[in-house]
């Protein structure tokens, strides 16, 4: 790992380069020099990805050097990188790009690999996979699907498949018990979830699928991110919040930084389980 001062200097230089690139992009695009704009766009994307890789590694190293990498990671929850934002300006809706700060959630599975293991129990990732199955099976049962078909087709590790979540694990009471097991495996015995955490997971877990009559369930990576938020709430004492259409413009900010829904491409890449 490079010296912290050198890394900071490198990032400052890279951001300055990104600012110059978006300026060049805007000038080329507005001059209808689309070939040059495309060339700048490709170089800018490469630079932003490199910047993100550096700050992610620095974040991982900070977690690794702490007394408890898992606890440090869920306390932080995010690291900050740069991104390109596009806005439509004026009556002609001319696209203008700029460089902004953007929070990205720490990937606990990637951090686990980087550190050679994090969490109080090494199998926490497998617990999450089995928990994901239980959540999916419960949703599918509500949709009138055959539980055996879901069980036979659900993708999870052999360790996860062999793990026993107990009788009727999809009930709210037993979901809380299962969630408690996972949180303890991740953070330790002194950390316990509440019924609000079960409610949060139940609400964010599934969404409308791309096809008609289809519900898309969270994949393992997505569920791990949701559970990291639950851990964040537990260790920081924060409360959940709800976004909805309000009467006035002065919208109250959320407790958590807003996270985008996974795209269709991400769903395909991660293999989202669907029920149709």
Protein backbone atom coordinates (compact mmCIF):
# COMPACT_ATOMS: atom_id res chain seq x y z
CA UNK A 1 0.00 0.00 0.00
CA UNK A 2 1.38 3.37 -1.02
CA UNK A 3 2.03 6.13 1.48
CA UNK A 4 -1.22 7.83 2.51
CA UNK A 5 0.10 11.26 1.58
CA UNK A 6 1.07 10.03 -1.89
CA UNK A 7 -2.32 8.40 -2.38
CA UNK A 8 -4.11 11.63 -1.42
CA UNK A 9 -1.94 13.59 -3.85
CA UNK A 10 -2.62 11.06 -6.61
CA UNK A 11 -6.38 11.27 -6.02
CA UNK A 12 -6.28 15.06 -6.08
CA UNK A 13 -4.46 14.97 -9.42
CA UNK A 14 -6.87 12.39 -10.82
CA UNK A 15 -9.89 14.47 -9.84
CA UNK A 16 -8.39 17.51 -11.51
CA UNK A 17 -7.86 15.43 -14.65
CA UNK A 18 -11.48 14.25 -14.48
CA UNK A 19 -12.68 17.85 -14.19
CA UNK A 20 -10.68 18.76 -17.30
CA UNK A 21 -12.06 15.75 -19.15
CA UNK A 22 -15.72 16.61 -18.49
CA UNK A 23 -15.00 20.16 -19.62
CA UNK A 24 -13.52 18.79 -22.85
CA UNK A 25 -16.48 16.41 -23.23
CA UNK A 26 -19.02 19.21 -22.82
CA UNK A 27 -17.22 21.41 -25.36
CA UNK A 28 -16.96 18.58 -27.90
CA UNK A 29 -20.57 17.46 -27.48
CA UNK A 30 -21.98 20.97 -27.70
CA UNK A 31 -19.88 21.54 -30.84
CA UNK A 32 -21.44 18.34 -32.27
CA UNK A 33 -18.01 16.70 -32.38
CA UNK A 34 -19.45 13.42 -31.18
CA UNK A 35 -16.40 11.34 -32.10
CA UNK A 36 -14.15 13.41 -29.83
CA UNK A 37 -16.82 13.37 -27.11
CA UNK A 38 -16.93 9.57 -27.27
CA UNK A 39 -13.13 9.32 -27.00
CA UNK A 40 -13.10 11.59 -23.95
CA UNK A 41 -15.98 9.64 -22.42
CA UNK A 42 -14.06 6.36 -22.67
CA UNK A 43 -10.92 7.86 -21.09
CA UNK A 44 -13.02 9.46 -18.35
CA UNK A 45 -14.71 6.17 -17.53
CA UNK A 46 -11.30 4.50 -17.22
CA UNK A 47 -10.07 7.28 -14.91
CA UNK A 48 -13.14 7.14 -12.68
CA UNK A 49 -12.81 3.35 -12.38
CA UNK A 50 -9.13 3.70 -11.44
CA UNK A 51 -9.99 6.37 -8.84
CA UNK A 52 -12.68 4.12 -7.38
CA UNK A 53 -10.30 1.16 -7.22
CA UNK A 54 -7.75 3.22 -5.27
CA UNK A 55 -10.22 4.56 -2.69
CA UNK A 56 -11.83 1.12 -2.32
CA UNK A 57 -8.44 -0.46 -1.59
CA UNK A 58 -7.62 2.31 0.90
CA UNK A 59 -10.97 1.69 2.62
CA UNK A 60 -10.34 -2.07 2.74
CA UNK A 61 -6.88 -1.49 4.19
CA UNK A 62 -8.31 0.77 6.89
CA UNK A 63 -10.79 -1.94 7.83
CA UNK A 64 -8.10 -4.64 7.77
CA UNK A 65 -5.83 -2.68 10.09
CA UNK A 66 -8.62 -2.08 12.61
CA UNK A 67 -9.31 -4.32 15.61
CA UNK A 68 -12.53 -5.62 14.02
CA UNK A 69 -12.74 -5.23 10.21
CA UNK A 70 -16.41 -6.28 10.02
CA UNK A 71 -17.48 -3.84 12.73
CA UNK A 72 -15.43 -1.06 11.14
CA UNK A 73 -16.91 -1.74 7.71
CA UNK A 74 -20.57 -1.73 8.79
CA UNK A 75 -19.97 1.36 10.93
CA UNK A 76 -18.58 3.20 7.89
CA UNK A 77 -21.00 1.50 5.45
CA UNK A 78 -19.74 3.61 2.53
CA UNK A 79 -16.56 4.92 0.96
CA UNK A 80 -16.57 8.02 -1.23
CA UNK A 81 -15.44 8.07 -4.84
CA UNK A 82 -16.14 10.29 -7.84
CA UNK A 83 -18.74 9.90 -10.56
CA UNK A 84 -19.95 11.67 -13.68
CA UNK A 85 -23.33 13.39 -13.41
CA UNK A 86 -25.30 14.56 -16.42
CA UNK A 87 -27.91 17.31 -16.29
CA UNK A 88 -30.17 18.75 -18.98
CA UNK A 89 -29.62 22.52 -19.11
CA UNK A 90 -31.89 25.23 -20.54
CA UNK A 91 -34.93 25.05 -22.77
CA UNK A 92 -33.02 22.98 -25.32
CA UNK A 93 -32.17 20.41 -22.64
CA UNK A 94 -28.49 20.39 -23.56
CA UNK A 95 -26.67 17.59 -21.67
CA UNK A 96 -23.91 18.95 -19.44
CA UNK A 97 -21.68 16.66 -17.40
CA UNK A 98 -19.84 17.33 -14.15
CA UNK A 99 -17.76 15.46 -11.57
CA UNK A 100 -19.47 14.76 -8.24
CA UNK A 101 -18.73 12.82 -5.07
CA UNK A 102 -20.62 9.54 -4.80
CA UNK A 103 -20.92 7.09 -1.92
CA UNK A 104 -20.49 3.41 -2.70
CA UNK A 105 -21.37 0.75 -0.18
CA UNK A 106 -18.54 -1.41 1.13
CA UNK A 107 -18.72 -4.92 -0.32
CA UNK A 108 -18.42 -7.19 2.72
CA UNK A 109 -17.77 -10.32 0.65
CA UNK A 110 -14.92 -8.62 -1.23
CA UNK A 111 -13.59 -7.27 2.08
CA UNK A 112 -13.72 -10.76 3.57
CA UNK A 113 -11.52 -12.01 0.71
CA UNK A 114 -9.16 -9.02 1.03
CA UNK A 115 -8.66 -9.56 4.75
CA UNK A 116 -8.54 -13.34 4.63
CA UNK A 117 -11.72 -13.54 6.70
CA UNK A 118 -13.85 -11.12 8.72
CA UNK A 119 -16.73 -11.52 11.14
CA UNK A 120 -17.09 -13.53 14.33
CA UNK A 121 -17.89 -16.77 12.47
CA UNK A 122 -16.28 -17.75 9.16
CA UNK A 123 -19.55 -19.14 7.75
CA UNK A 124 -21.56 -15.88 7.94
CA UNK A 125 -21.69 -15.70 4.13
CA UNK A 126 -23.24 -19.17 3.94
CA UNK A 127 -25.78 -18.29 6.63
CA UNK A 128 -26.86 -15.37 4.45
CA UNK A 129 -27.31 -17.65 1.45
CA UNK A 130 -29.57 -20.01 3.38
CA UNK A 131 -31.46 -17.02 4.82
CA UNK A 132 -31.90 -15.79 1.25
CA UNK A 133 -33.40 -19.12 0.31
CA UNK A 134 -35.83 -18.95 3.23
CA UNK A 135 -36.94 -15.45 2.24
CA UNK A 136 -37.37 -16.52 -1.38
CA UNK A 137 -39.25 -19.67 -0.44
CA UNK A 138 -41.62 -17.65 1.73
CA UNK A 139 -42.35 -15.18 -1.08
CA UNK A 140 -42.83 -17.99 -3.59
CA UNK A 141 -45.24 -19.79 -1.29
CA UNK A 142 -47.30 -16.62 -1.03
CA UNK A 143 -47.38 -16.51 -4.84
CA UNK A 144 -48.71 -20.09 -4.95
CA UNK A 145 -45.52 -21.68 -6.28
CA UNK A 146 -44.35 -25.20 -5.50
CA UNK A 147 -41.89 -25.04 -2.54
CA UNK A 148 -40.10 -28.21 -3.70
CA UNK A 149 -39.38 -26.65 -7.08
CA UNK A 150 -37.91 -23.59 -5.38
CA UNK A 151 -35.80 -25.77 -3.08
CA UNK A 152 -34.46 -27.89 -5.94
CA UNK A 153 -33.58 -24.94 -8.18
CA UNK A 154 -32.27 -22.36 -5.71
CA UNK A 155 -28.55 -21.57 -6.12
CA UNK A 156 -26.54 -21.71 -2.89
CA UNK A 157 -23.42 -23.33 -1.50
CA UNK A 158 -23.45 -26.89 -0.14
CA UNK A 159 -22.63 -25.49 3.30
CA UNK A 160 -25.63 -23.17 3.12
CA UNK A 161 -27.96 -25.91 1.89
CA UNK A 162 -27.01 -28.17 4.81
CA UNK A 163 -27.61 -25.43 7.39
CA UNK A 164 -30.82 -25.88 9.42
CA UNK A 165 -32.77 -22.66 9.97
CA UNK A 166 -35.33 -24.39 12.16
CA UNK A 167 -39.03 -25.15 11.86
CA UNK A 168 -41.11 -22.75 9.75
CA UNK A 169 -38.19 -20.33 9.29
CA UNK A 170 -40.24 -18.01 7.05
CA UNK A 171 -42.54 -16.84 9.88
CA UNK A 172 -41.79 -13.38 11.28
CA UNK A 173 -40.82 -14.80 14.67
CA UNK A 174 -38.43 -17.31 13.19
CA UNK A 175 -37.12 -14.82 10.66
CA UNK A 176 -36.05 -12.70 13.62
CA UNK A 177 -34.35 -15.75 15.14
CA UNK A 178 -32.56 -16.47 11.86
CA UNK A 179 -31.57 -12.83 11.51
CA UNK A 180 -30.25 -12.85 15.07
CA UNK A 181 -28.07 -15.85 14.23
CA UNK A 182 -26.65 -14.04 11.20
CA UNK A 183 -26.02 -10.76 13.03
CA UNK A 184 -24.22 -12.59 15.84
CA UNK A 185 -22.13 -14.46 13.26
CA UNK A 186 -21.19 -11.15 11.66
CA UNK A 187 -20.75 -8.88 14.68
CA UNK A 188 -20.79 -10.93 17.89
CA UNK A 189 -23.10 -11.98 20.71
CA UNK A 190 -23.71 -8.46 22.03
CA UNK A 191 -25.41 -7.28 18.82
CA UNK A 192 -29.06 -8.18 18.29
CA UNK A 193 -31.64 -7.15 15.67
CA UNK A 194 -35.20 -5.99 16.34
CA UNK A 195 -38.53 -6.62 14.66
CA UNK A 196 -38.00 -3.36 12.73
CA UNK A 197 -34.97 -4.96 11.08
CA UNK A 198 -37.10 -7.88 9.91
CA UNK A 199 -39.65 -5.41 8.56
CA UNK A 200 -36.94 -3.48 6.69
CA UNK A 201 -35.61 -6.64 5.06
CA UNK A 202 -39.11 -7.80 4.15
CA UNK A 203 -39.83 -4.46 2.46
CA UNK A 204 -36.63 -4.08 0.44
CA UNK A 205 -36.10 -7.75 -0.38
CA UNK A 206 -38.31 -8.18 -3.44
CA UNK A 207 -39.53 -5.97 -6.26
CA UNK A 208 -41.49 -6.13 -9.52
CA UNK A 209 -39.70 -8.21 -12.10
CA UNK A 210 -39.13 -7.30 -15.75
CA UNK A 211 -41.67 -9.82 -17.01
CA UNK A 212 -45.41 -9.73 -16.37
CA UNK A 213 -46.56 -11.58 -13.24
CA UNK A 214 -42.97 -11.80 -12.02
CA UNK A 215 -41.38 -10.84 -8.71
CA UNK A 216 -37.59 -10.40 -8.57
CA UNK A 217 -35.94 -11.56 -5.36
CA UNK A 218 -32.66 -10.20 -4.03
CA UNK A 219 -29.56 -12.18 -5.00
CA UNK A 220 -26.92 -13.05 -2.41
CA UNK A 221 -24.87 -9.90 -3.01
CA UNK A 222 -27.89 -7.63 -2.73
CA UNK A 223 -29.11 -9.31 0.45
CA UNK A 224 -25.62 -8.98 1.95
CA UNK A 225 -25.78 -5.23 1.27
CA UNK A 226 -29.19 -4.99 2.94
CA UNK A 227 -27.87 -6.89 5.96
CA UNK A 228 -24.88 -4.52 6.12
CA UNK A 229 -27.41 -1.70 6.47
CA UNK A 230 -29.12 -3.58 9.28
CA UNK A 231 -25.76 -3.99 11.00
CA UNK A 232 -25.10 -0.28 10.46
CA UNK A 233 -28.37 0.59 12.17
CA UNK A 234 -27.60 -1.69 15.09
CA UNK A 235 -24.07 -0.42 15.76
CA UNK A 236 -24.87 3.28 15.21
CA UNK A 237 -28.33 3.38 16.81
CA UNK A 238 -29.88 5.07 13.78
CA UNK A 239 -33.51 4.70 12.78
CA UNK A 240 -35.14 3.66 9.52
CA UNK A 241 -36.86 6.21 7.36
CA UNK A 242 -39.37 6.20 4.51
CA UNK A 243 -39.34 8.09 1.23
CA UNK A 244 -42.74 9.04 -0.13
CA UNK A 245 -44.48 11.86 -1.97
CA UNK A 246 -44.82 14.76 0.44
CA UNK A 247 -47.10 17.80 0.40
CA UNK A 248 -44.31 20.36 0.31
CA UNK A 249 -40.95 20.67 -1.40
CA UNK A 250 -38.99 20.64 1.86
CA UNK A 251 -38.48 16.89 1.91
CA UNK A 252 -36.91 15.47 5.06
CA UNK A 253 -33.63 13.68 4.29
CA UNK A 254 -33.25 9.95 4.79
CA UNK A 255 -31.18 8.45 7.59
CA UNK A 256 -29.31 6.40 5.01
CA UNK A 257 -27.69 7.57 1.80
CA UNK A 258 -30.00 6.70 -1.06
CA UNK A 259 -29.00 3.57 -2.97
CA UNK A 260 -30.02 2.87 -6.53
CA UNK A 261 -32.05 -0.20 -7.34
CA UNK A 262 -30.04 -2.92 -9.14
CA UNK A 263 -30.27 -2.57 -12.93
CA UNK A 264 -31.52 -5.28 -15.26
CA UNK A 265 -27.89 -5.88 -16.33
CA UNK A 266 -26.88 -6.39 -12.69
CA UNK A 267 -29.82 -8.73 -12.18
CA UNK A 268 -28.70 -10.83 -15.14
CA UNK A 269 -25.07 -10.82 -14.04
CA UNK A 270 -25.85 -11.80 -10.45
CA UNK A 271 -28.58 -14.30 -11.37
CA UNK A 272 -31.61 -12.86 -9.61
CA UNK A 273 -34.07 -15.57 -8.65
CA UNK A 274 -37.49 -14.84 -10.13
CA UNK A 275 -40.90 -16.21 -9.41
CA UNK A 276 -43.39 -16.11 -12.28
